[in-house]
Amino acid sequence: MSQAAVVAVYSGEDETFSADECFLGLAQRIASGNTITDVLLKDAGEVVIDPQRCRYTAFIPQPDLFYRATPGGFRTAPAKTASFPDYPERDLAELLWIAGHHASNGRLLAGCSKYDVVQLLHWPNLSRLPLTPNTMRLCAFLSRRASAIHLARKLLGVDEEEAYSFYSAALSAGALELVSRAPAQNQAEPESVPDTTPAATERHPANRSVLRLLWSKVSRL
């Protein structure tokens, strides 16, 4: 498959994105198959994916262009090995995380909700992934308890764009478990950040110790 035209998918206006509109969807389809596949975007990068061994090798000098290009811009071909000379093989989950991060650019995957309750299944190898200022704190929080990403980001003081990029990347890589999906009709916020002002705790003395415990844990993340 080869086309000369390459179109970046991010317009800066949409609140969600589809994996099928960018490299992420192409990589997921290859990962679900049995054929070692070379994926090339001229002047932007090249990746070889081995779905049987869950490994990949990549040379991507222009990651923003590569990961946000439409699938029609890539040339794909069967390959004999997932290795490039002088480039190490990596865990395929890392590639899916990176692809989800770049494609998201602050947006949620289509079909996901900020009210979906999720939990981190395992810590990723953060030394090999694109990091934002609060990646480690989000990992720590969601590894300890299931939460909606909307509530987690409010408790941690994380911007929406950063939290949604993390959610999209971690979900794409299989690092997040979807505990429960938000009802489609639910448009209002189901949960809110606890009011910990002195006035609020005086009105509700029974909640004071619980709130203190919660916030002391969060502050240590």
N, C-alpha and C. Protein backbone atom coordinates (compact mmCIF):
# COMPACT_ATOMS: atom_id res chain seq x y z
N MET A 1 0.85 -1.18 0.00
CA MET A 1 0.00 0.00 0.00
C MET A 1 0.89 1.23 0.00
N SER A 2 0.62 2.14 -0.94
CA SER A 2 1.46 3.32 -1.02
C SER A 2 0.68 4.47 -1.61
N GLN A 3 0.78 5.63 -0.99
CA GLN A 3 0.17 6.83 -1.50
C GLN A 3 1.14 7.97 -1.28
N ALA A 4 1.14 8.92 -2.19
CA ALA A 4 2.06 10.04 -2.06
C ALA A 4 1.60 11.04 -1.03
N ALA A 5 0.29 11.22 -0.92
CA ALA A 5 -0.23 12.25 -0.03
C ALA A 5 -0.22 11.76 1.41
N VAL A 6 0.21 12.62 2.31
CA VAL A 6 0.20 12.34 3.74
C VAL A 6 -0.52 13.49 4.43
N VAL A 7 -1.51 13.16 5.22
CA VAL A 7 -2.32 14.18 5.87
C VAL A 7 -2.23 14.02 7.37
N ALA A 8 -1.82 15.06 8.09
CA ALA A 8 -1.80 15.02 9.55
C ALA A 8 -3.23 15.03 10.06
N VAL A 9 -3.52 14.25 11.10
CA VAL A 9 -4.91 14.08 11.54
C VAL A 9 -5.34 15.11 12.57
N TYR A 10 -4.42 15.79 13.23
CA TYR A 10 -4.82 16.66 14.33
C TYR A 10 -5.13 18.06 13.84
N SER A 11 -6.33 18.53 14.14
CA SER A 11 -6.73 19.87 13.74
C SER A 11 -6.70 20.85 14.89
N GLY A 12 -6.59 20.33 16.13
CA GLY A 12 -6.58 21.21 17.29
C GLY A 12 -7.97 21.59 17.77
N GLU A 13 -9.03 21.01 17.15
CA GLU A 13 -10.39 21.40 17.49
C GLU A 13 -11.19 20.23 18.07
N ASP A 14 -11.00 19.02 17.56
CA ASP A 14 -11.79 17.88 18.01
C ASP A 14 -11.41 17.49 19.43
N GLU A 15 -12.39 16.98 20.19
CA GLU A 15 -12.15 16.55 21.56
C GLU A 15 -11.76 15.09 21.63
N THR A 16 -12.02 14.32 20.58
CA THR A 16 -11.65 12.91 20.53
C THR A 16 -10.93 12.63 19.22
N PHE A 17 -10.27 11.47 19.16
CA PHE A 17 -9.63 11.06 17.92
C PHE A 17 -9.86 9.57 17.73
N SER A 18 -9.80 9.13 16.49
CA SER A 18 -9.98 7.72 16.17
C SER A 18 -8.63 7.10 15.85
N ALA A 19 -8.37 5.94 16.41
CA ALA A 19 -7.13 5.22 16.11
C ALA A 19 -7.04 4.87 14.63
N ASP A 20 -8.18 4.67 13.99
CA ASP A 20 -8.19 4.28 12.58
C ASP A 20 -7.76 5.41 11.65
N GLU A 21 -7.64 6.63 12.17
CA GLU A 21 -7.26 7.77 11.35
C GLU A 21 -5.77 8.03 11.35
N CYS A 22 -5.00 7.20 12.05
CA CYS A 22 -3.58 7.48 12.19
C CYS A 22 -2.78 6.18 12.30
N PHE A 23 -1.49 6.29 12.53
CA PHE A 23 -0.62 5.13 12.61
C PHE A 23 -1.06 4.15 13.69
N LEU A 24 -1.63 4.64 14.78
CA LEU A 24 -2.03 3.76 15.88
C LEU A 24 -2.95 2.65 15.40
N GLY A 25 -3.97 2.97 14.61
CA GLY A 25 -4.88 1.95 14.12
C GLY A 25 -4.20 0.95 13.21
N LEU A 26 -3.28 1.45 12.37
CA LEU A 26 -2.53 0.56 11.49
C LEU A 26 -1.67 -0.39 12.31
N ALA A 27 -0.98 0.13 13.33
CA ALA A 27 -0.13 -0.71 14.19
C ALA A 27 -0.97 -1.75 14.94
N GLN A 28 -2.15 -1.36 15.41
CA GLN A 28 -3.02 -2.30 16.12
C GLN A 28 -3.47 -3.44 15.21
N ARG A 29 -3.76 -3.12 13.96
CA ARG A 29 -4.19 -4.17 13.02
C ARG A 29 -3.03 -5.14 12.74
N ILE A 30 -1.83 -4.60 12.56
CA ILE A 30 -0.67 -5.46 12.33
C ILE A 30 -0.40 -6.32 13.56
N ALA A 31 -0.52 -5.71 14.75
CA ALA A 31 -0.26 -6.43 16.00
C ALA A 31 -1.24 -7.57 16.23
N SER A 32 -2.42 -7.47 15.67
CA SER A 32 -3.43 -8.52 15.85
C SER A 32 -3.29 -9.64 14.83
N GLY A 33 -2.34 -9.48 13.89
CA GLY A 33 -2.15 -10.49 12.85
C GLY A 33 -0.97 -11.41 13.14
N ASN A 34 -0.45 -12.03 12.08
CA ASN A 34 0.64 -12.99 12.22
C ASN A 34 1.86 -12.67 11.34
N THR A 35 1.80 -11.56 10.59
CA THR A 35 2.83 -11.27 9.60
C THR A 35 3.77 -10.17 10.07
N ILE A 36 5.05 -10.43 10.03
CA ILE A 36 6.04 -9.37 10.29
C ILE A 36 5.90 -8.34 9.18
N THR A 37 5.72 -7.08 9.56
CA THR A 37 5.38 -6.05 8.58
C THR A 37 6.27 -4.83 8.73
N ASP A 38 6.77 -4.37 7.58
CA ASP A 38 7.55 -3.13 7.51
C ASP A 38 6.59 -1.99 7.16
N VAL A 39 6.64 -0.91 7.94
CA VAL A 39 5.77 0.25 7.73
C VAL A 39 6.65 1.46 7.50
N LEU A 40 6.50 2.11 6.34
CA LEU A 40 7.37 3.22 5.96
C LEU A 40 6.55 4.46 5.62
N LEU A 41 6.95 5.59 6.17
CA LEU A 41 6.42 6.89 5.76
C LEU A 41 7.61 7.70 5.27
N LYS A 42 7.65 7.96 4.00
CA LYS A 42 8.81 8.58 3.36
C LYS A 42 9.23 9.86 4.07
N ASP A 43 10.49 9.95 4.38
CA ASP A 43 11.13 11.11 5.02
C ASP A 43 10.70 11.32 6.47
N ALA A 44 9.84 10.45 7.01
CA ALA A 44 9.38 10.62 8.39
C ALA A 44 9.81 9.48 9.30
N GLY A 45 9.86 8.25 8.78
CA GLY A 45 10.27 7.14 9.64
C GLY A 45 9.88 5.78 9.09
N GLU A 46 10.39 4.75 9.74
CA GLU A 46 10.12 3.38 9.35
C GLU A 46 10.07 2.50 10.60
N VAL A 47 9.12 1.57 10.61
CA VAL A 47 8.93 0.65 11.73
C VAL A 47 8.74 -0.76 11.17
N VAL A 48 9.34 -1.75 11.84
CA VAL A 48 9.05 -3.15 11.52
C VAL A 48 8.43 -3.78 12.76
N ILE A 49 7.25 -4.38 12.59
CA ILE A 49 6.49 -4.96 13.70
C ILE A 49 6.42 -6.47 13.55
N ASP A 50 6.79 -7.17 14.62
CA ASP A 50 6.67 -8.63 14.67
C ASP A 50 5.56 -8.98 15.65
N PRO A 51 4.34 -9.25 15.16
CA PRO A 51 3.22 -9.50 16.07
C PRO A 51 3.33 -10.82 16.83
N GLN A 52 4.01 -11.79 16.27
CA GLN A 52 4.14 -13.08 16.94
C GLN A 52 4.99 -12.97 18.20
N ARG A 53 6.06 -12.20 18.14
CA ARG A 53 6.97 -12.04 19.27
C ARG A 53 6.69 -10.77 20.06
N CYS A 54 5.72 -9.97 19.61
CA CYS A 54 5.38 -8.70 20.27
C CYS A 54 6.61 -7.80 20.40
N ARG A 55 7.34 -7.68 19.28
CA ARG A 55 8.53 -6.85 19.24
C ARG A 55 8.46 -5.90 18.05
N TYR A 56 9.24 -4.83 18.11
CA TYR A 56 9.33 -3.91 16.98
C TYR A 56 10.70 -3.26 16.97
N THR A 57 11.06 -2.72 15.82
CA THR A 57 12.26 -1.90 15.67
C THR A 57 11.86 -0.66 14.88
N ALA A 58 12.41 0.49 15.24
CA ALA A 58 11.96 1.72 14.60
C ALA A 58 13.10 2.71 14.39
N PHE A 59 13.00 3.44 13.30
CA PHE A 59 13.82 4.63 13.04
C PHE A 59 12.85 5.72 12.62
N ILE A 60 12.60 6.69 13.53
CA ILE A 60 11.56 7.69 13.28
C ILE A 60 12.13 9.08 13.58
N PRO A 61 12.73 9.73 12.60
CA PRO A 61 13.31 11.06 12.82
C PRO A 61 12.27 12.17 12.99
N GLN A 62 11.04 11.95 12.49
CA GLN A 62 9.98 12.95 12.62
C GLN A 62 8.75 12.30 13.27
N PRO A 63 8.77 12.12 14.56
CA PRO A 63 7.69 11.37 15.22
C PRO A 63 6.31 12.02 15.11
N ASP A 64 6.21 13.35 15.23
CA ASP A 64 4.90 13.99 15.14
C ASP A 64 4.26 13.72 13.78
N LEU A 65 5.04 13.86 12.71
CA LEU A 65 4.51 13.60 11.38
C LEU A 65 4.18 12.13 11.19
N PHE A 66 5.06 11.26 11.65
CA PHE A 66 4.87 9.82 11.47
C PHE A 66 3.63 9.32 12.18
N TYR A 67 3.50 9.63 13.46
CA TYR A 67 2.42 9.05 14.26
C TYR A 67 1.06 9.69 13.97
N ARG A 68 1.04 10.90 13.41
CA ARG A 68 -0.24 11.57 13.16
C ARG A 68 -0.66 11.52 11.70
N ALA A 69 0.10 10.82 10.87
CA ALA A 69 -0.26 10.69 9.46
C ALA A 69 -1.41 9.70 9.29
N THR A 70 -2.19 9.89 8.24
CA THR A 70 -3.28 8.96 7.95
C THR A 70 -2.72 7.64 7.44
N PRO A 71 -3.41 6.52 7.66
CA PRO A 71 -2.88 5.21 7.24
C PRO A 71 -2.57 5.13 5.75
N GLY A 72 -3.32 5.87 4.91
CA GLY A 72 -3.08 5.80 3.47
C GLY A 72 -1.74 6.34 3.04
N GLY A 73 -1.08 7.10 3.90
CA GLY A 73 0.23 7.64 3.56
C GLY A 73 1.38 6.68 3.75
N PHE A 74 1.12 5.55 4.42
CA PHE A 74 2.18 4.60 4.73
C PHE A 74 2.31 3.53 3.65
N ARG A 75 3.52 3.09 3.44
CA ARG A 75 3.75 1.91 2.61
C ARG A 75 4.01 0.74 3.53
N THR A 76 3.28 -0.35 3.33
CA THR A 76 3.47 -1.55 4.16
C THR A 76 3.90 -2.72 3.28
N ALA A 77 4.75 -3.57 3.85
CA ALA A 77 5.22 -4.74 3.10
C ALA A 77 5.65 -5.81 4.09
N PRO A 78 5.47 -7.09 3.74
CA PRO A 78 5.96 -8.17 4.60
C PRO A 78 7.48 -8.08 4.78
N ALA A 79 7.96 -8.50 5.94
CA ALA A 79 9.40 -8.49 6.23
C ALA A 79 9.80 -9.84 6.83
N LYS A 80 11.09 -10.14 6.74
CA LYS A 80 11.58 -11.41 7.28
C LYS A 80 11.94 -11.32 8.75
N THR A 81 12.29 -10.13 9.20
CA THR A 81 12.72 -9.95 10.59
C THR A 81 12.30 -8.58 11.08
N ALA A 82 12.15 -8.43 12.39
CA ALA A 82 11.77 -7.15 12.97
C ALA A 82 12.98 -6.29 13.32
N SER A 83 14.17 -6.71 12.90
CA SER A 83 15.39 -6.01 13.29
C SER A 83 15.92 -5.12 12.18
N PHE A 84 16.45 -3.95 12.56
CA PHE A 84 17.25 -3.10 11.69
C PHE A 84 18.69 -3.21 12.15
N PRO A 85 19.64 -3.09 11.24
CA PRO A 85 21.04 -3.01 11.69
C PRO A 85 21.23 -1.79 12.60
N ASP A 86 21.87 -1.99 13.73
CA ASP A 86 22.23 -0.92 14.67
C ASP A 86 21.04 -0.34 15.44
N TYR A 87 19.84 -0.93 15.30
CA TYR A 87 18.69 -0.46 16.06
C TYR A 87 18.11 -1.62 16.87
N PRO A 88 17.96 -1.46 18.17
CA PRO A 88 17.51 -2.58 19.01
C PRO A 88 16.03 -2.86 18.87
N GLU A 89 15.65 -4.09 19.12
CA GLU A 89 14.23 -4.44 19.20
C GLU A 89 13.67 -3.97 20.53
N ARG A 90 12.38 -3.61 20.52
CA ARG A 90 11.70 -3.15 21.73
C ARG A 90 10.39 -3.90 21.90
N ASP A 91 9.82 -3.75 23.10
CA ASP A 91 8.51 -4.32 23.40
C ASP A 91 7.45 -3.58 22.58
N LEU A 92 6.60 -4.32 21.90
CA LEU A 92 5.58 -3.71 21.03
C LEU A 92 4.64 -2.80 21.80
N ALA A 93 4.39 -3.10 23.07
CA ALA A 93 3.51 -2.24 23.87
C ALA A 93 4.06 -0.81 23.96
N GLU A 94 5.38 -0.67 23.95
CA GLU A 94 5.98 0.67 23.98
C GLU A 94 5.60 1.46 22.73
N LEU A 95 5.64 0.80 21.58
CA LEU A 95 5.28 1.48 20.33
C LEU A 95 3.83 1.94 20.36
N LEU A 96 2.93 1.10 20.88
CA LEU A 96 1.52 1.47 20.94
C LEU A 96 1.30 2.62 21.92
N TRP A 97 2.04 2.64 23.02
CA TRP A 97 1.95 3.76 23.97
C TRP A 97 2.39 5.05 23.28
N ILE A 98 3.54 5.01 22.62
CA ILE A 98 4.08 6.20 21.95
C ILE A 98 3.12 6.68 20.87
N ALA A 99 2.58 5.75 20.09
CA ALA A 99 1.65 6.11 19.03
C ALA A 99 0.38 6.74 19.60
N GLY A 100 -0.13 6.16 20.70
CA GLY A 100 -1.31 6.73 21.34
C GLY A 100 -1.06 8.12 21.90
N HIS A 101 0.11 8.32 22.46
CA HIS A 101 0.48 9.63 23.02
C HIS A 101 0.51 10.70 21.94
N HIS A 102 1.18 10.43 20.84
CA HIS A 102 1.31 11.42 19.78
C HIS A 102 -0.02 11.68 19.08
N ALA A 103 -0.79 10.62 18.84
CA ALA A 103 -2.07 10.78 18.16
C ALA A 103 -3.07 11.53 19.02
N SER A 104 -3.01 11.32 20.32
CA SER A 104 -3.96 11.96 21.23
C SER A 104 -3.80 13.48 21.25
N ASN A 105 -2.60 13.94 21.51
CA ASN A 105 -2.34 15.37 21.60
C ASN A 105 -3.38 16.07 22.48
N GLY A 106 -3.67 15.46 23.62
CA GLY A 106 -4.61 16.07 24.56
C GLY A 106 -6.05 15.65 24.40
N ARG A 107 -6.32 14.70 23.50
CA ARG A 107 -7.69 14.25 23.27
C ARG A 107 -7.88 12.81 23.73
N LEU A 108 -9.12 12.42 23.93
CA LEU A 108 -9.46 11.04 24.30
C LEU A 108 -9.70 10.22 23.05
N LEU A 109 -9.40 8.92 23.14
CA LEU A 109 -9.76 7.99 22.08
C LEU A 109 -11.28 8.00 21.88
N ALA A 110 -11.70 7.95 20.65
CA ALA A 110 -13.12 7.87 20.35
C ALA A 110 -13.72 6.66 21.04
N GLY A 111 -14.90 6.83 21.64
CA GLY A 111 -15.56 5.76 22.37
C GLY A 111 -15.23 5.73 23.84
N CYS A 112 -14.22 6.51 24.26
CA CYS A 112 -13.86 6.58 25.68
C CYS A 112 -14.50 7.81 26.32
N SER A 113 -14.66 7.76 27.61
CA SER A 113 -15.21 8.87 28.37
C SER A 113 -14.27 9.20 29.52
N LYS A 114 -14.24 10.46 29.87
CA LYS A 114 -13.43 10.86 31.02
C LYS A 114 -14.01 10.32 32.33
N TYR A 115 -15.23 9.78 32.28
CA TYR A 115 -15.85 9.19 33.46
C TYR A 115 -15.70 7.67 33.52
N ASP A 116 -15.08 7.06 32.50
CA ASP A 116 -14.78 5.62 32.58
C ASP A 116 -13.86 5.37 33.78
N VAL A 117 -14.15 4.33 34.53
CA VAL A 117 -13.30 3.97 35.68
C VAL A 117 -12.23 2.99 35.21
N VAL A 118 -10.96 3.35 35.44
CA VAL A 118 -9.85 2.55 34.96
C VAL A 118 -8.84 2.32 36.08
N GLN A 119 -7.97 1.33 35.88
CA GLN A 119 -6.90 1.07 36.83
C GLN A 119 -5.67 0.60 36.07
N LEU A 120 -4.50 1.04 36.52
CA LEU A 120 -3.25 0.66 35.88
C LEU A 120 -2.93 -0.79 36.21
N LEU A 121 -2.72 -1.60 35.18
CA LEU A 121 -2.44 -3.03 35.37
C LEU A 121 -0.98 -3.27 35.75
N HIS A 122 -0.09 -2.49 35.17
CA HIS A 122 1.34 -2.64 35.45
C HIS A 122 2.05 -1.33 35.10
N TRP A 123 3.17 -1.10 35.75
CA TRP A 123 3.96 0.09 35.46
C TRP A 123 4.67 -0.08 34.12
N PRO A 124 4.57 0.90 33.23
CA PRO A 124 5.33 0.83 31.98
C PRO A 124 6.79 1.19 32.23
N ASN A 125 7.63 0.91 31.25
CA ASN A 125 9.03 1.31 31.32
C ASN A 125 9.12 2.78 30.92
N LEU A 126 9.02 3.66 31.88
CA LEU A 126 8.91 5.09 31.60
C LEU A 126 10.17 5.66 30.96
N SER A 127 11.29 4.98 31.10
CA SER A 127 12.53 5.49 30.50
C SER A 127 12.50 5.44 28.98
N ARG A 128 11.56 4.69 28.41
CA ARG A 128 11.49 4.54 26.95
C ARG A 128 10.24 5.19 26.36
N LEU A 129 9.52 5.95 27.16
CA LEU A 129 8.26 6.53 26.70
C LEU A 129 8.30 8.05 26.77
N PRO A 130 7.48 8.73 25.95
CA PRO A 130 7.37 10.18 26.07
C PRO A 130 6.67 10.53 27.39
N LEU A 131 7.31 11.37 28.19
CA LEU A 131 6.78 11.69 29.51
C LEU A 131 6.25 13.12 29.55
N THR A 132 5.21 13.30 30.33
CA THR A 132 4.71 14.64 30.66
C THR A 132 4.98 14.85 32.16
N PRO A 133 4.83 16.06 32.66
CA PRO A 133 5.22 16.33 34.05
C PRO A 133 4.57 15.44 35.10
N ASN A 134 3.37 14.91 34.81
CA ASN A 134 2.64 14.15 35.84
C ASN A 134 2.41 12.69 35.47
N THR A 135 3.18 12.17 34.52
CA THR A 135 3.01 10.77 34.12
C THR A 135 3.20 9.83 35.29
N MET A 136 4.27 10.03 36.06
CA MET A 136 4.55 9.14 37.18
C MET A 136 3.47 9.23 38.26
N ARG A 137 2.97 10.44 38.51
CA ARG A 137 1.94 10.61 39.53
C ARG A 137 0.64 9.93 39.11
N LEU A 138 0.29 10.02 37.83
CA LEU A 138 -0.91 9.35 37.33
C LEU A 138 -0.75 7.84 37.42
N CYS A 139 0.44 7.34 37.07
CA CYS A 139 0.70 5.90 37.20
C CYS A 139 0.56 5.45 38.65
N ALA A 140 1.15 6.22 39.57
CA ALA A 140 1.10 5.85 40.98
C ALA A 140 -0.33 5.85 41.50
N PHE A 141 -1.09 6.87 41.13
CA PHE A 141 -2.46 6.99 41.61
C PHE A 141 -3.32 5.83 41.09
N LEU A 142 -3.24 5.57 39.77
CA LEU A 142 -4.12 4.57 39.17
C LEU A 142 -3.64 3.14 39.40
N SER A 143 -2.41 2.97 39.87
CA SER A 143 -1.96 1.63 40.25
C SER A 143 -2.48 1.25 41.63
N ARG A 144 -2.81 2.25 42.45
CA ARG A 144 -3.28 1.99 43.81
C ARG A 144 -4.79 1.85 43.91
N ARG A 145 -5.49 2.52 43.02
CA ARG A 145 -6.95 2.50 43.11
C ARG A 145 -7.56 2.74 41.73
N ALA A 146 -8.71 2.14 41.48
CA ALA A 146 -9.45 2.43 40.25
C ALA A 146 -10.11 3.79 40.38
N SER A 147 -10.13 4.53 39.28
CA SER A 147 -10.71 5.87 39.32
C SER A 147 -11.06 6.30 37.91
N ALA A 148 -12.02 7.20 37.80
CA ALA A 148 -12.23 7.90 36.54
C ALA A 148 -11.06 8.84 36.32
N ILE A 149 -10.58 8.92 35.09
CA ILE A 149 -9.43 9.80 34.81
C ILE A 149 -9.79 11.25 35.12
N HIS A 150 -11.05 11.60 34.99
CA HIS A 150 -11.52 12.96 35.29
C HIS A 150 -11.33 13.28 36.77
N LEU A 151 -11.67 12.34 37.63
CA LEU A 151 -11.52 12.55 39.07
C LEU A 151 -10.04 12.50 39.46
N ALA A 152 -9.30 11.54 38.89
CA ALA A 152 -7.88 11.42 39.22
C ALA A 152 -7.13 12.70 38.88
N ARG A 153 -7.39 13.28 37.73
CA ARG A 153 -6.65 14.48 37.33
C ARG A 153 -7.01 15.67 38.23
N LYS A 154 -8.27 15.73 38.69
CA LYS A 154 -8.65 16.81 39.59
C LYS A 154 -7.98 16.66 40.95
N LEU A 155 -7.93 15.46 41.45
CA LEU A 155 -7.29 15.23 42.74
C LEU A 155 -5.80 15.54 42.69
N LEU A 156 -5.18 15.27 41.53
CA LEU A 156 -3.75 15.49 41.38
C LEU A 156 -3.40 16.87 40.83
N GLY A 157 -4.41 17.62 40.40
CA GLY A 157 -4.15 18.94 39.84
C GLY A 157 -3.49 18.88 38.47
N VAL A 158 -3.94 17.93 37.63
CA VAL A 158 -3.38 17.73 36.30
C VAL A 158 -4.31 18.32 35.25
N ASP A 159 -3.76 19.00 34.24
CA ASP A 159 -4.57 19.55 33.16
C ASP A 159 -5.26 18.44 32.37
N GLU A 160 -6.41 18.78 31.78
CA GLU A 160 -7.16 17.81 30.98
C GLU A 160 -6.32 17.22 29.86
N GLU A 161 -5.62 18.09 29.12
CA GLU A 161 -4.87 17.62 27.96
C GLU A 161 -3.82 16.58 28.35
N GLU A 162 -3.11 16.83 29.44
CA GLU A 162 -2.08 15.90 29.88
C GLU A 162 -2.71 14.58 30.34
N ALA A 163 -3.79 14.67 31.09
CA ALA A 163 -4.45 13.46 31.60
C ALA A 163 -5.02 12.63 30.46
N TYR A 164 -5.61 13.27 29.46
CA TYR A 164 -6.22 12.53 28.36
C TYR A 164 -5.16 11.90 27.46
N SER A 165 -4.02 12.57 27.28
CA SER A 165 -2.93 11.97 26.52
C SER A 165 -2.41 10.72 27.24
N PHE A 166 -2.28 10.82 28.56
CA PHE A 166 -1.86 9.66 29.35
C PHE A 166 -2.87 8.53 29.21
N TYR A 167 -4.15 8.84 29.39
CA TYR A 167 -5.20 7.82 29.31
C TYR A 167 -5.18 7.13 27.95
N SER A 168 -5.11 7.91 26.87
CA SER A 168 -5.13 7.35 25.52
C SER A 168 -3.91 6.48 25.27
N ALA A 169 -2.74 6.94 25.71
CA ALA A 169 -1.50 6.18 25.49
C ALA A 169 -1.51 4.88 26.28
N ALA A 170 -1.85 4.96 27.57
CA ALA A 170 -1.84 3.78 28.42
C ALA A 170 -2.88 2.76 27.98
N LEU A 171 -4.04 3.23 27.55
CA LEU A 171 -5.09 2.32 27.08
C LEU A 171 -4.66 1.65 25.78
N SER A 172 -4.03 2.41 24.88
CA SER A 172 -3.57 1.86 23.61
C SER A 172 -2.54 0.76 23.83
N ALA A 173 -1.71 0.92 24.86
CA ALA A 173 -0.64 -0.03 25.15
C ALA A 173 -1.11 -1.23 25.96
N GLY A 174 -2.37 -1.23 26.39
CA GLY A 174 -2.88 -2.32 27.21
C GLY A 174 -2.45 -2.24 28.66
N ALA A 175 -1.99 -1.05 29.10
CA ALA A 175 -1.54 -0.88 30.48
C ALA A 175 -2.67 -0.52 31.42
N LEU A 176 -3.83 -0.14 30.88
CA LEU A 176 -4.98 0.23 31.70
C LEU A 176 -6.09 -0.81 31.55
N GLU A 177 -6.71 -1.15 32.66
CA GLU A 177 -7.89 -2.01 32.65
C GLU A 177 -9.13 -1.14 32.79
N LEU A 178 -10.10 -1.35 31.91
CA LEU A 178 -11.37 -0.64 32.01
C LEU A 178 -12.25 -1.36 33.02
N VAL A 179 -12.39 -0.78 34.21
CA VAL A 179 -13.16 -1.39 35.30
C VAL A 179 -14.65 -1.25 35.04
N SER A 180 -15.07 -0.06 34.66
CA SER A 180 -16.48 0.17 34.31
C SER A 180 -16.57 1.34 33.36
N ARG A 181 -17.49 1.23 32.41
CA ARG A 181 -17.67 2.27 31.42
C ARG A 181 -18.79 3.21 31.85
N ALA A 182 -18.58 4.50 31.62
CA ALA A 182 -19.59 5.49 32.00
C ALA A 182 -20.83 5.32 31.13
N PRO A 183 -22.04 5.46 31.73
CA PRO A 183 -23.27 5.39 30.93
C PRO A 183 -23.26 6.43 29.83
N ALA A 184 -23.72 6.06 28.63
CA ALA A 184 -23.67 6.96 27.48
C ALA A 184 -24.49 8.22 27.71
N GLN A 185 -25.55 8.09 28.48
CA GLN A 185 -26.44 9.23 28.68
C GLN A 185 -25.96 10.17 29.77
N ASN A 186 -24.89 9.79 30.46
CA ASN A 186 -24.43 10.59 31.60
C ASN A 186 -23.63 11.78 31.11
N GLN A 187 -24.20 12.95 31.18
CA GLN A 187 -23.51 14.16 30.75
C GLN A 187 -23.02 14.99 31.92
N ALA A 188 -23.55 14.74 33.10
CA ALA A 188 -23.13 15.50 34.27
C ALA A 188 -21.97 14.81 34.95
N GLU A 189 -21.22 15.56 35.75
CA GLU A 189 -20.10 14.99 36.47
C GLU A 189 -20.62 14.09 37.59
N PRO A 190 -20.30 12.78 37.57
CA PRO A 190 -20.82 11.88 38.60
C PRO A 190 -20.10 12.02 39.92
N GLU A 191 -18.87 12.54 39.86
CA GLU A 191 -18.09 12.67 41.08
C GLU A 191 -17.48 14.06 41.12
N SER A 192 -17.22 14.56 42.29
CA SER A 192 -16.57 15.85 42.43
C SER A 192 -15.45 15.73 43.42
N VAL A 193 -14.53 16.68 43.35
CA VAL A 193 -13.42 16.69 44.29
C VAL A 193 -13.92 17.10 45.66
N PRO A 194 -13.55 16.39 46.72
CA PRO A 194 -14.04 16.73 48.05
C PRO A 194 -13.67 18.16 48.43
N ASP A 195 -14.59 18.83 49.07
CA ASP A 195 -14.35 20.18 49.59
C ASP A 195 -13.62 20.06 50.92
N THR A 196 -12.36 20.49 50.93
CA THR A 196 -11.56 20.36 52.14
C THR A 196 -11.29 21.68 52.81
N THR A 197 -12.08 22.68 52.50
CA THR A 197 -11.91 23.96 53.18
C THR A 197 -12.29 23.82 54.64
N PRO A 198 -11.78 24.69 55.54
CA PRO A 198 -12.13 24.59 56.96
C PRO A 198 -13.62 24.63 57.21
N ALA A 199 -14.33 25.50 56.43
CA ALA A 199 -15.77 25.61 56.65
C ALA A 199 -16.48 24.30 56.34
N ALA A 200 -16.03 23.64 55.26
CA ALA A 200 -16.68 22.39 54.87
C ALA A 200 -16.43 21.30 55.89
N THR A 201 -15.21 21.20 56.39
CA THR A 201 -14.93 20.16 57.35
C THR A 201 -15.62 20.40 58.68
N GLU A 202 -15.86 21.66 59.02
CA GLU A 202 -16.62 21.94 60.24
C GLU A 202 -18.06 21.53 60.10
N ARG A 203 -18.60 21.68 58.87
CA ARG A 203 -19.99 21.29 58.64
C ARG A 203 -20.14 19.77 58.68
N HIS A 204 -19.07 19.06 58.32
CA HIS A 204 -19.13 17.61 58.24
C HIS A 204 -17.98 17.01 59.03
N PRO A 205 -18.00 17.09 60.36
CA PRO A 205 -16.87 16.61 61.17
C PRO A 205 -16.59 15.13 61.00
N ALA A 206 -17.60 14.34 60.66
CA ALA A 206 -17.37 12.90 60.51
C ALA A 206 -16.48 12.58 59.32
N ASN A 207 -16.45 13.51 58.32
CA ASN A 207 -15.65 13.28 57.12
C ASN A 207 -14.23 13.79 57.26
N ARG A 208 -13.92 14.51 58.36
CA ARG A 208 -12.65 15.21 58.47
C ARG A 208 -11.46 14.26 58.41
N SER A 209 -11.52 13.14 59.16
CA SER A 209 -10.39 12.22 59.19
C SER A 209 -10.21 11.52 57.85
N VAL A 210 -11.32 11.20 57.17
CA VAL A 210 -11.25 10.54 55.87
C VAL A 210 -10.60 11.46 54.85
N LEU A 211 -11.01 12.73 54.85
CA LEU A 211 -10.45 13.69 53.91
C LEU A 211 -8.97 13.91 54.14
N ARG A 212 -8.59 14.00 55.42
CA ARG A 212 -7.18 14.19 55.74
C ARG A 212 -6.35 13.01 55.26
N LEU A 213 -6.88 11.80 55.45
CA LEU A 213 -6.17 10.60 55.01
C LEU A 213 -6.01 10.59 53.49
N LEU A 214 -7.09 10.92 52.77
CA LEU A 214 -7.06 10.94 51.32
C LEU A 214 -6.03 11.92 50.80
N TRP A 215 -6.09 13.14 51.30
CA TRP A 215 -5.19 14.17 50.80
C TRP A 215 -3.75 13.96 51.22
N SER A 216 -3.53 13.33 52.36
CA SER A 216 -2.16 13.03 52.74
C SER A 216 -1.54 12.00 51.81
N LYS A 217 -2.36 11.04 51.37
CA LYS A 217 -1.87 10.05 50.42
C LYS A 217 -1.58 10.68 49.08
N VAL A 218 -2.49 11.51 48.59
CA VAL A 218 -2.31 12.16 47.30
C VAL A 218 -1.08 13.06 47.31
N SER A 219 -0.86 13.77 48.39
CA SER A 219 0.26 14.71 48.46
C SER A 219 1.61 14.02 48.43
N ARG A 220 1.63 12.72 48.76
CA ARG A 220 2.89 12.00 48.74
C ARG A 220 3.21 11.39 47.38
N LEU A 221 2.26 11.48 46.41
CA LEU A 221 2.50 10.88 45.11
C LEU A 221 3.53 11.70 44.34
